Amino acid sequence: MSDELELWTVYDSPIDLPGRFVARKWLLDQPTNELLQDKTLEGLRAKLPQGLTRLERSPQDDPKIVETWI
């Protein structure tokens, strides 16, 4: 198990997967190749690992970012 901080950033219809909600896993500030996807935000949230806390998007975030889970 890694001691690095794991984040899941949720995107609405990213360029590479239009029409889908996508969660991409980050370790600290480094993206990984892991992702989850679903056609609905609720469906995607159900696929995220248990025990995470939702963070609101910041105004300076990319407009396609919905939220981040830590």
C-alpha atoms as a PDB file:
ATOM      1  CA  MET A   1       0.000   0.000   0.000  1.00  0.00           C
ATOM      2  CA  SER A   2       1.278   3.452  -0.907  1.00  0.00           C
ATOM      3  CA  ASP A   3       1.777   6.247   1.611  1.00  0.00           C
ATOM      4  CA  GLU A   4       1.099   8.809  -1.105  1.00  0.00           C
ATOM      5  CA  LEU A   5      -2.041  10.911  -0.961  1.00  0.00           C
ATOM      6  CA  GLU A   6      -4.667   9.435  -3.292  1.00  0.00           C
ATOM      7  CA  LEU A   7      -7.115  11.786  -5.022  1.00  0.00           C
ATOM      8  CA  TRP A   8      -9.913  11.094  -7.483  1.00  0.00           C
ATOM      9  CA  THR A   9     -10.855  14.039  -9.689  1.00  0.00           C
ATOM     10  CA  VAL A  10     -14.268  13.825 -11.365  1.00  0.00           C
ATOM     11  CA  TYR A  11     -14.744  15.315 -14.842  1.00  0.00           C
ATOM     12  CA  ASP A  12     -17.926  15.930 -16.829  1.00  0.00           C
ATOM     13  CA  SER A  13     -17.484  14.905 -20.474  1.00  0.00           C
ATOM     14  CA  PRO A  14     -13.699  15.136 -20.860  1.00  0.00           C
ATOM     15  CA  ILE A  15     -12.306  15.420 -24.394  1.00  0.00           C
ATOM     16  CA  ASP A  16     -11.190  11.770 -24.465  1.00  0.00           C
ATOM     17  CA  LEU A  17     -14.550  10.411 -23.161  1.00  0.00           C
ATOM     18  CA  PRO A  18     -17.311  12.807 -24.262  1.00  0.00           C
ATOM     19  CA  GLY A  19     -20.736  12.256 -22.753  1.00  0.00           C
ATOM     20  CA  ARG A  20     -19.350  10.402 -19.727  1.00  0.00           C
ATOM     21  CA  PHE A  21     -18.496  11.247 -16.142  1.00  0.00           C
ATOM     22  CA  VAL A  22     -14.911  10.185 -15.481  1.00  0.00           C
ATOM     23  CA  ALA A  23     -12.909   9.915 -12.242  1.00  0.00           C
ATOM     24  CA  ARG A  24      -9.143   9.949 -12.689  1.00  0.00           C
ATOM     25  CA  LYS A  25      -6.851   8.789  -9.901  1.00  0.00           C
ATOM     26  CA  TRP A  26      -3.936  11.022  -8.858  1.00  0.00           C
ATOM     27  CA  LEU A  27      -1.149  10.286  -6.382  1.00  0.00           C
ATOM     28  CA  LEU A  28      -0.266  13.650  -4.872  1.00  0.00           C
ATOM     29  CA  ASP A  29       0.122  15.821  -7.981  1.00  0.00           C
ATOM     30  CA  GLN A  30       0.940  12.950 -10.372  1.00  0.00           C
ATOM     31  CA  PRO A  31      -1.766  11.504 -12.620  1.00  0.00           C
ATOM     32  CA  THR A  32      -2.060   7.723 -12.893  1.00  0.00           C
ATOM     33  CA  ASN A  33      -3.576   5.606 -15.661  1.00  0.00           C
ATOM     34  CA  GLU A  34      -6.454   4.519 -13.407  1.00  0.00           C
ATOM     35  CA  LEU A  35      -9.912   5.818 -14.199  1.00  0.00           C
ATOM     36  CA  LEU A  36     -13.546   5.041 -13.574  1.00  0.00           C
ATOM     37  CA  GLN A  37     -16.405   6.072 -15.828  1.00  0.00           C
ATOM     38  CA  ASP A  38     -20.195   6.073 -15.951  1.00  0.00           C
ATOM     39  CA  LYS A  39     -22.965   7.794 -17.862  1.00  0.00           C
ATOM     40  CA  THR A  40     -24.283   9.456 -14.673  1.00  0.00           C
ATOM     41  CA  LEU A  41     -22.597  11.307 -11.837  1.00  0.00           C
ATOM     42  CA  GLU A  42     -24.448   9.186  -9.275  1.00  0.00           C
ATOM     43  CA  GLY A  43     -23.308   5.984 -10.991  1.00  0.00           C
ATOM     44  CA  LEU A  44     -19.713   7.179 -11.026  1.00  0.00           C
ATOM     45  CA  ARG A  45     -19.807   8.171  -7.367  1.00  0.00           C
ATOM     46  CA  ALA A  46     -21.009   4.636  -6.513  1.00  0.00           C
ATOM     47  CA  LYS A  47     -17.854   3.227  -8.157  1.00  0.00           C
ATOM     48  CA  LEU A  48     -15.407   5.350  -6.146  1.00  0.00           C
ATOM     49  CA  PRO A  49     -13.518   3.659  -3.298  1.00  0.00           C
ATOM     50  CA  GLN A  50     -15.344   3.722   0.037  1.00  0.00           C
ATOM     51  CA  GLY A  51     -14.327   6.162   2.779  1.00  0.00           C
ATOM     52  CA  LEU A  52     -13.434   9.171   0.606  1.00  0.00           C
ATOM     53  CA  THR A  53     -14.435  12.758   1.366  1.00  0.00           C
ATOM     54  CA  ARG A  54     -15.867  15.028  -1.329  1.00  0.00           C
ATOM     55  CA  LEU A  55     -14.260  18.417  -2.014  1.00  0.00           C
ATOM     56  CA  GLU A  56     -16.027  21.115  -4.009  1.00  0.00           C
ATOM     57  CA  ARG A  57     -14.384  22.336  -7.191  1.00  0.00           C
ATOM     58  CA  SER A  58     -12.412  25.570  -6.957  1.00  0.00           C
ATOM     59  CA  PRO A  59     -13.248  28.521  -9.228  1.00  0.00           C
ATOM     60  CA  GLN A  60      -9.783  28.238 -10.816  1.00  0.00           C
ATOM     61  CA  ASP A  61     -10.303  24.545 -11.714  1.00  0.00           C
ATOM     62  CA  ASP A  62     -10.820  23.488 -15.305  1.00  0.00           C
ATOM     63  CA  PRO A  63     -14.540  23.916 -16.153  1.00  0.00           C
ATOM     64  CA  LYS A  64     -14.869  20.162 -16.815  1.00  0.00           C
ATOM     65  CA  ILE A  65     -13.921  19.329 -13.202  1.00  0.00           C
ATOM     66  CA  VAL A  66     -16.995  18.551 -11.100  1.00  0.00           C
ATOM     67  CA  GLU A  67     -15.386  17.656  -7.764  1.00  0.00           C
ATOM     68  CA  THR A  68     -12.451  15.877  -6.154  1.00  0.00           C
ATOM     69  CA  TRP A  69     -12.526  13.038  -3.630  1.00  0.00           C
ATOM     70  CA  ILE A  70      -9.754  12.552  -1.117  1.00  0.00           C
END
